[in-house]
């Protein structure tokens, strides 16, 4: 997905967003991004990651994502997804370094019964409800 002038992506999340109480990570297969899940629902999630090398624009819209916790405990493997936005997150500062922090909005595709159950189990075991005003994944890029 290349950043373009006046490109707007709006995704209405039809289910409640949840904040995770335990660090849970996502890894996208094609775009090779590893990040911390900031919020999640049965429809999708927001992932925050640090750009370690010179960042290349994400050309991939459709991908597969793994969701896991440290120690190799996989919750979901190879869930189909769509990357709906990938944007710089200037409010986040990582120590005093000048690292680029980005947030990526991911919408899940057609999940298998096991994948959906894994996400629901994660939410029930490790999540609290997010602020209702955060019920939309919205990105406006200029």
N, C-alpha and C. Protein backbone atom coordinates (compact mmCIF):
# COMPACT_ATOMS: atom_id res chain seq x y z
N UNK A 1 0.86 -1.16 0.00
CA UNK A 1 0.00 0.00 0.00
C UNK A 1 0.91 1.22 0.00
N UNK A 2 0.85 1.99 -1.01
CA UNK A 2 1.66 3.19 -1.10
C UNK A 2 0.88 4.37 -0.54
N UNK A 3 1.61 5.27 0.13
CA UNK A 3 0.95 6.46 0.64
C UNK A 3 0.72 7.41 -0.53
N UNK A 4 -0.48 7.91 -0.66
CA UNK A 4 -0.83 8.81 -1.75
C UNK A 4 -1.48 10.05 -1.16
N UNK A 5 -1.40 11.14 -1.91
CA UNK A 5 -2.02 12.38 -1.46
C UNK A 5 -3.53 12.20 -1.34
N UNK A 6 -4.07 12.77 -0.27
CA UNK A 6 -5.51 12.76 -0.03
C UNK A 6 -6.13 11.36 -0.04
N UNK A 7 -5.36 10.33 0.30
CA UNK A 7 -5.92 8.99 0.37
C UNK A 7 -6.62 8.83 1.70
N UNK A 8 -7.83 8.35 1.67
CA UNK A 8 -8.60 8.19 2.90
C UNK A 8 -9.07 6.75 3.01
N UNK A 9 -8.87 6.17 4.18
CA UNK A 9 -9.36 4.83 4.46
C UNK A 9 -10.23 4.93 5.70
N UNK A 10 -11.42 4.44 5.61
CA UNK A 10 -12.30 4.42 6.77
C UNK A 10 -12.87 3.02 6.88
N UNK A 11 -12.74 2.46 8.04
CA UNK A 11 -13.29 1.13 8.29
C UNK A 11 -14.13 1.23 9.56
N UNK A 12 -15.40 0.97 9.43
CA UNK A 12 -16.26 0.95 10.60
C UNK A 12 -16.14 -0.42 11.24
N UNK A 13 -15.67 -0.44 12.45
CA UNK A 13 -15.54 -1.70 13.17
C UNK A 13 -16.92 -2.05 13.73
N UNK A 14 -17.45 -3.18 13.31
CA UNK A 14 -18.81 -3.53 13.71
C UNK A 14 -18.88 -4.22 15.06
N UNK A 15 -17.74 -4.51 15.66
CA UNK A 15 -17.75 -5.13 16.98
C UNK A 15 -16.91 -4.31 17.94
N UNK A 16 -17.11 -4.54 19.22
CA UNK A 16 -16.44 -3.80 20.28
C UNK A 16 -14.93 -4.01 20.22
N UNK A 17 -14.17 -2.93 20.39
CA UNK A 17 -12.72 -3.03 20.48
C UNK A 17 -12.30 -3.31 21.91
N UNK A 18 -11.23 -4.09 22.08
CA UNK A 18 -10.72 -4.45 23.40
C UNK A 18 -9.24 -4.14 23.48
N UNK A 19 -8.81 -3.68 24.65
CA UNK A 19 -7.40 -3.48 24.95
C UNK A 19 -6.90 -4.74 25.64
N UNK A 20 -5.71 -5.19 25.28
CA UNK A 20 -5.18 -6.41 25.87
C UNK A 20 -4.38 -6.10 27.12
N UNK A 21 -4.58 -6.90 28.18
CA UNK A 21 -3.86 -6.72 29.44
C UNK A 21 -2.49 -7.40 29.41
N UNK A 22 -2.27 -8.31 28.47
CA UNK A 22 -0.98 -8.99 28.31
C UNK A 22 -0.42 -8.64 26.93
N UNK A 23 0.91 -8.50 26.88
CA UNK A 23 1.53 -8.20 25.58
C UNK A 23 1.27 -9.35 24.62
N UNK A 24 0.65 -8.99 23.51
CA UNK A 24 0.32 -9.95 22.47
C UNK A 24 0.80 -9.36 21.16
N UNK A 25 1.36 -10.19 20.31
CA UNK A 25 2.03 -9.72 19.11
C UNK A 25 1.38 -10.26 17.85
N UNK A 26 1.63 -9.55 16.76
CA UNK A 26 1.16 -9.96 15.44
C UNK A 26 2.35 -9.96 14.49
N UNK A 27 2.36 -10.92 13.58
CA UNK A 27 3.39 -10.99 12.54
C UNK A 27 2.71 -11.18 11.21
N UNK A 28 2.94 -10.25 10.28
CA UNK A 28 2.37 -10.37 8.95
C UNK A 28 3.36 -11.12 8.06
N UNK A 29 2.88 -12.10 7.33
CA UNK A 29 3.73 -12.99 6.56
C UNK A 29 4.41 -12.30 5.38
N UNK A 30 3.65 -11.65 4.53
CA UNK A 30 4.22 -11.09 3.31
C UNK A 30 4.99 -9.81 3.58
N UNK A 31 4.42 -8.91 4.34
CA UNK A 31 5.09 -7.63 4.61
C UNK A 31 6.11 -7.74 5.73
N UNK A 32 6.19 -8.89 6.40
CA UNK A 32 7.21 -9.17 7.42
C UNK A 32 7.29 -8.11 8.52
N UNK A 33 6.13 -7.79 9.09
CA UNK A 33 6.08 -6.82 10.17
C UNK A 33 5.72 -7.54 11.47
N UNK A 34 6.51 -7.26 12.50
CA UNK A 34 6.26 -7.79 13.84
C UNK A 34 5.91 -6.61 14.72
N UNK A 35 4.74 -6.65 15.35
CA UNK A 35 4.33 -5.53 16.18
C UNK A 35 3.47 -5.95 17.36
N UNK A 36 3.28 -5.00 18.24
CA UNK A 36 2.46 -5.18 19.44
C UNK A 36 1.01 -4.84 19.11
N UNK A 37 0.09 -5.71 19.49
CA UNK A 37 -1.33 -5.44 19.25
C UNK A 37 -1.79 -4.41 20.27
N UNK A 38 -2.33 -3.28 19.80
CA UNK A 38 -2.80 -2.21 20.68
C UNK A 38 -4.26 -2.42 21.06
N UNK A 39 -5.08 -2.86 20.12
CA UNK A 39 -6.48 -3.20 20.40
C UNK A 39 -6.92 -4.26 19.40
N UNK A 40 -7.97 -4.97 19.76
CA UNK A 40 -8.42 -6.08 18.92
C UNK A 40 -9.93 -6.24 19.05
N UNK A 41 -10.54 -6.75 18.01
CA UNK A 41 -11.95 -7.14 18.02
C UNK A 41 -12.06 -8.40 17.18
N UNK A 42 -13.24 -8.92 17.04
CA UNK A 42 -13.41 -10.08 16.18
C UNK A 42 -13.34 -9.70 14.70
N UNK A 43 -13.34 -8.38 14.40
CA UNK A 43 -13.24 -7.90 13.02
C UNK A 43 -11.81 -7.55 12.62
N UNK A 44 -10.98 -7.12 13.58
CA UNK A 44 -9.64 -6.68 13.22
C UNK A 44 -8.86 -6.20 14.42
N UNK A 45 -7.75 -5.52 14.14
CA UNK A 45 -6.89 -5.05 15.22
C UNK A 45 -6.00 -3.91 14.75
N UNK A 46 -5.42 -3.22 15.73
CA UNK A 46 -4.44 -2.19 15.47
C UNK A 46 -3.10 -2.70 16.00
N UNK A 47 -2.07 -2.62 15.17
CA UNK A 47 -0.75 -3.12 15.52
C UNK A 47 0.24 -1.96 15.47
N UNK A 48 1.02 -1.82 16.52
CA UNK A 48 2.06 -0.79 16.57
C UNK A 48 3.42 -1.45 16.40
N UNK A 49 4.26 -0.85 15.55
CA UNK A 49 5.57 -1.45 15.33
C UNK A 49 6.62 -0.37 15.13
N UNK A 50 7.88 -0.77 15.32
CA UNK A 50 9.03 0.12 15.15
C UNK A 50 9.68 -0.22 13.83
N UNK A 51 9.99 0.81 13.05
CA UNK A 51 10.70 0.61 11.79
C UNK A 51 12.18 0.52 12.12
N UNK A 52 12.78 -0.65 11.88
CA UNK A 52 14.18 -0.86 12.24
C UNK A 52 15.13 -0.51 11.10
N UNK A 53 14.74 -0.78 9.89
CA UNK A 53 15.54 -0.44 8.72
C UNK A 53 14.85 0.69 7.99
N UNK A 54 15.47 1.15 6.91
CA UNK A 54 14.80 2.17 6.11
C UNK A 54 13.48 1.59 5.64
N UNK A 55 12.41 2.28 5.93
CA UNK A 55 11.07 1.77 5.66
C UNK A 55 10.74 1.81 4.18
N UNK A 56 10.24 0.69 3.71
CA UNK A 56 9.74 0.60 2.35
C UNK A 56 8.22 0.69 2.41
N UNK A 57 7.59 1.35 1.44
CA UNK A 57 6.12 1.40 1.46
C UNK A 57 5.53 -0.01 1.39
N UNK A 58 4.45 -0.21 2.10
CA UNK A 58 3.79 -1.52 2.07
C UNK A 58 2.92 -1.57 0.82
N UNK A 59 3.30 -2.45 -0.09
CA UNK A 59 2.54 -2.61 -1.33
C UNK A 59 1.45 -3.66 -1.19
N UNK A 60 1.52 -4.43 -0.13
CA UNK A 60 0.60 -5.54 0.07
C UNK A 60 -0.65 -5.04 0.78
N UNK A 61 -1.78 -5.36 0.26
CA UNK A 61 -3.02 -5.04 0.96
C UNK A 61 -3.52 -6.30 1.66
N UNK A 62 -3.47 -7.44 0.98
CA UNK A 62 -3.92 -8.70 1.56
C UNK A 62 -2.71 -9.48 2.06
N UNK A 63 -2.86 -10.07 3.22
CA UNK A 63 -1.73 -10.75 3.85
C UNK A 63 -2.28 -11.86 4.75
N UNK A 64 -1.39 -12.56 5.41
CA UNK A 64 -1.73 -13.51 6.46
C UNK A 64 -1.06 -13.01 7.73
N UNK A 65 -1.71 -13.22 8.87
CA UNK A 65 -1.16 -12.74 10.14
C UNK A 65 -1.22 -13.85 11.19
N UNK A 66 -0.15 -13.91 11.99
CA UNK A 66 -0.12 -14.78 13.16
C UNK A 66 -0.29 -13.91 14.38
N UNK A 67 -1.00 -14.41 15.39
CA UNK A 67 -1.17 -13.72 16.66
C UNK A 67 -0.62 -14.64 17.73
N UNK A 68 0.29 -14.10 18.57
CA UNK A 68 0.94 -14.95 19.56
C UNK A 68 1.41 -14.15 20.76
N UNK A 69 1.77 -14.89 21.81
CA UNK A 69 2.37 -14.31 23.02
C UNK A 69 3.81 -14.80 23.12
N UNK A 70 4.63 -14.09 23.86
CA UNK A 70 6.03 -14.48 24.04
C UNK A 70 6.07 -15.90 24.62
N UNK A 71 7.03 -16.65 24.18
CA UNK A 71 7.14 -18.03 24.62
C UNK A 71 6.60 -18.99 23.57
N UNK A 72 6.17 -18.44 22.45
CA UNK A 72 5.72 -19.29 21.36
C UNK A 72 4.30 -19.77 21.46
N UNK A 73 3.51 -19.18 22.38
CA UNK A 73 2.11 -19.58 22.51
C UNK A 73 1.30 -18.90 21.40
N UNK A 74 0.97 -19.67 20.36
CA UNK A 74 0.21 -19.12 19.24
C UNK A 74 -1.28 -19.16 19.55
N UNK A 75 -1.94 -18.04 19.27
CA UNK A 75 -3.38 -17.95 19.45
C UNK A 75 -4.05 -18.21 18.12
N UNK A 76 -3.51 -17.61 17.08
CA UNK A 76 -4.05 -17.76 15.72
C UNK A 76 -2.87 -17.83 14.75
N UNK A 77 -2.94 -18.75 13.82
CA UNK A 77 -1.92 -18.85 12.77
C UNK A 77 -2.57 -18.60 11.42
N UNK A 78 -1.86 -17.86 10.59
CA UNK A 78 -2.22 -17.64 9.19
C UNK A 78 -3.66 -17.19 8.98
N UNK A 79 -4.06 -16.19 9.74
CA UNK A 79 -5.40 -15.62 9.55
C UNK A 79 -5.36 -14.69 8.35
N UNK A 80 -6.28 -14.85 7.41
CA UNK A 80 -6.31 -13.93 6.28
C UNK A 80 -6.70 -12.53 6.76
N UNK A 81 -6.07 -11.52 6.18
CA UNK A 81 -6.37 -10.17 6.62
C UNK A 81 -6.13 -9.16 5.50
N UNK A 82 -6.62 -7.97 5.72
CA UNK A 82 -6.43 -6.84 4.82
C UNK A 82 -5.83 -5.71 5.63
N UNK A 83 -4.75 -5.14 5.14
CA UNK A 83 -4.14 -3.99 5.79
C UNK A 83 -4.89 -2.76 5.29
N UNK A 84 -5.61 -2.09 6.21
CA UNK A 84 -6.45 -0.97 5.78
C UNK A 84 -5.76 0.38 5.95
N UNK A 85 -4.74 0.43 6.82
CA UNK A 85 -3.90 1.62 6.87
C UNK A 85 -2.58 1.29 7.52
N UNK A 86 -1.59 2.10 7.22
CA UNK A 86 -0.27 2.00 7.82
C UNK A 86 0.26 3.42 7.89
N UNK A 87 0.34 3.96 9.08
CA UNK A 87 0.69 5.37 9.20
C UNK A 87 1.65 5.63 10.35
N UNK A 88 2.37 6.71 10.22
CA UNK A 88 3.31 7.14 11.26
C UNK A 88 2.51 7.51 12.51
N UNK A 89 3.06 7.21 13.67
CA UNK A 89 2.39 7.52 14.92
C UNK A 89 3.29 8.45 15.73
N UNK A 90 3.21 9.75 15.50
CA UNK A 90 4.16 10.69 16.10
C UNK A 90 4.02 10.87 17.60
N UNK A 91 2.89 10.50 18.19
CA UNK A 91 2.70 10.69 19.62
C UNK A 91 3.56 9.74 20.44
N UNK A 92 3.96 8.62 19.85
CA UNK A 92 4.74 7.62 20.57
C UNK A 92 6.23 7.94 20.46
N UNK A 93 6.92 7.89 21.57
CA UNK A 93 8.36 8.10 21.60
C UNK A 93 9.00 6.87 22.21
N UNK A 94 9.96 6.31 21.53
CA UNK A 94 10.65 5.13 22.03
C UNK A 94 11.97 5.58 22.62
N UNK A 95 12.02 5.58 23.95
CA UNK A 95 13.18 6.10 24.70
C UNK A 95 13.49 7.50 24.17
N UNK A 96 14.73 7.82 24.02
CA UNK A 96 15.07 9.13 23.47
C UNK A 96 15.60 8.99 22.05
N UNK A 97 15.45 7.80 21.47
CA UNK A 97 15.94 7.56 20.12
C UNK A 97 14.97 8.15 19.11
N UNK A 98 15.48 8.35 17.95
CA UNK A 98 14.65 8.86 16.87
C UNK A 98 14.22 7.71 15.96
N UNK A 99 13.44 6.82 16.53
CA UNK A 99 12.93 5.69 15.77
C UNK A 99 11.54 6.02 15.26
N UNK A 100 11.23 5.50 14.10
CA UNK A 100 9.90 5.72 13.54
C UNK A 100 8.95 4.67 14.10
N UNK A 101 7.87 5.15 14.72
CA UNK A 101 6.82 4.27 15.25
C UNK A 101 5.63 4.39 14.31
N UNK A 102 5.07 3.24 13.92
CA UNK A 102 3.94 3.24 12.99
C UNK A 102 2.82 2.40 13.58
N UNK A 103 1.62 2.69 13.12
CA UNK A 103 0.45 1.88 13.47
C UNK A 103 -0.20 1.40 12.18
N UNK A 104 -0.63 0.15 12.25
CA UNK A 104 -1.24 -0.49 11.10
C UNK A 104 -2.60 -1.03 11.51
N UNK A 105 -3.61 -0.70 10.74
CA UNK A 105 -4.95 -1.22 10.96
C UNK A 105 -5.15 -2.46 10.11
N UNK A 106 -5.58 -3.52 10.74
CA UNK A 106 -5.76 -4.80 10.06
C UNK A 106 -7.21 -5.24 10.21
N UNK A 107 -7.83 -5.59 9.10
CA UNK A 107 -9.19 -6.13 9.10
C UNK A 107 -9.08 -7.61 8.76
N UNK A 108 -9.67 -8.46 9.59
CA UNK A 108 -9.60 -9.89 9.33
C UNK A 108 -10.46 -10.26 8.14
N UNK A 109 -9.98 -11.22 7.37
CA UNK A 109 -10.76 -11.78 6.28
C UNK A 109 -11.64 -12.89 6.81
N UNK A 110 -11.96 -13.84 5.95
CA UNK A 110 -12.80 -14.97 6.38
C UNK A 110 -11.97 -15.90 7.25
N UNK A 111 -12.29 -15.93 8.53
CA UNK A 111 -11.56 -16.74 9.50
C UNK A 111 -12.16 -18.14 9.59
N UNK A 112 -11.32 -19.12 9.85
CA UNK A 112 -11.83 -20.47 10.12
C UNK A 112 -12.49 -20.45 11.50
N UNK A 113 -13.22 -21.49 11.81
CA UNK A 113 -13.85 -21.58 13.13
C UNK A 113 -12.80 -21.57 14.23
N UNK A 114 -11.68 -22.26 14.03
CA UNK A 114 -10.62 -22.29 15.04
C UNK A 114 -9.96 -20.92 15.21
N UNK A 115 -9.74 -20.20 14.12
CA UNK A 115 -9.15 -18.87 14.20
C UNK A 115 -10.07 -17.92 14.94
N UNK A 116 -11.34 -17.94 14.62
CA UNK A 116 -12.31 -17.07 15.29
C UNK A 116 -12.40 -17.41 16.78
N UNK A 117 -12.43 -18.70 17.11
CA UNK A 117 -12.46 -19.13 18.50
C UNK A 117 -11.21 -18.65 19.24
N UNK A 118 -10.05 -18.73 18.59
CA UNK A 118 -8.81 -18.26 19.20
C UNK A 118 -8.86 -16.79 19.56
N UNK A 119 -9.39 -15.97 18.67
CA UNK A 119 -9.51 -14.53 18.93
C UNK A 119 -10.50 -14.27 20.06
N UNK A 120 -11.63 -14.94 20.03
CA UNK A 120 -12.63 -14.77 21.09
C UNK A 120 -12.06 -15.20 22.44
N UNK A 121 -11.34 -16.32 22.47
CA UNK A 121 -10.72 -16.79 23.71
C UNK A 121 -9.70 -15.78 24.23
N UNK A 122 -8.89 -15.22 23.34
CA UNK A 122 -7.92 -14.19 23.72
C UNK A 122 -8.63 -12.99 24.34
N UNK A 123 -9.69 -12.53 23.72
CA UNK A 123 -10.45 -11.38 24.23
C UNK A 123 -11.04 -11.70 25.61
N UNK A 124 -11.65 -12.86 25.75
CA UNK A 124 -12.26 -13.23 27.04
C UNK A 124 -11.24 -13.37 28.15
N UNK A 125 -10.04 -13.87 27.84
CA UNK A 125 -9.04 -14.15 28.87
C UNK A 125 -8.13 -12.96 29.18
N UNK A 126 -7.90 -12.09 28.21
CA UNK A 126 -6.82 -11.10 28.37
C UNK A 126 -7.21 -9.68 28.00
N UNK A 127 -8.48 -9.34 27.95
CA UNK A 127 -8.82 -8.01 27.43
C UNK A 127 -9.80 -7.26 28.32
N UNK A 128 -9.76 -5.94 28.17
CA UNK A 128 -10.76 -5.05 28.75
C UNK A 128 -11.33 -4.21 27.63
N UNK A 129 -12.56 -3.74 27.80
CA UNK A 129 -13.20 -2.95 26.75
C UNK A 129 -12.47 -1.64 26.54
N UNK A 130 -12.36 -1.25 25.28
CA UNK A 130 -11.76 0.03 24.93
C UNK A 130 -12.82 1.12 25.06
N UNK A 131 -12.36 2.34 25.08
CA UNK A 131 -13.24 3.49 25.11
C UNK A 131 -14.19 3.42 23.91
N UNK A 132 -15.50 3.61 24.09
CA UNK A 132 -16.46 3.51 22.98
C UNK A 132 -16.14 4.43 21.81
N UNK A 133 -15.51 5.57 22.06
CA UNK A 133 -15.19 6.46 20.95
C UNK A 133 -14.10 5.88 20.07
N UNK A 134 -13.43 4.82 20.53
CA UNK A 134 -12.42 4.16 19.72
C UNK A 134 -13.00 2.99 18.94
N UNK A 135 -14.30 3.01 18.69
CA UNK A 135 -14.93 1.89 18.02
C UNK A 135 -14.78 1.93 16.50
N UNK A 136 -14.03 2.90 15.99
CA UNK A 136 -13.77 2.98 14.56
C UNK A 136 -12.27 2.90 14.33
N UNK A 137 -11.88 2.20 13.28
CA UNK A 137 -10.50 2.26 12.81
C UNK A 137 -10.52 3.25 11.68
N UNK A 138 -9.95 4.42 11.91
CA UNK A 138 -10.02 5.47 10.89
C UNK A 138 -8.62 5.96 10.60
N UNK A 139 -8.31 6.13 9.35
CA UNK A 139 -7.03 6.69 8.96
C UNK A 139 -7.27 7.70 7.86
N UNK A 140 -6.73 8.88 8.04
CA UNK A 140 -6.80 9.90 7.00
C UNK A 140 -5.37 10.32 6.72
N UNK A 141 -4.92 10.11 5.50
CA UNK A 141 -3.55 10.47 5.15
C UNK A 141 -3.57 11.58 4.12
N UNK A 142 -2.63 12.50 4.27
CA UNK A 142 -2.51 13.58 3.30
C UNK A 142 -1.11 13.64 2.78
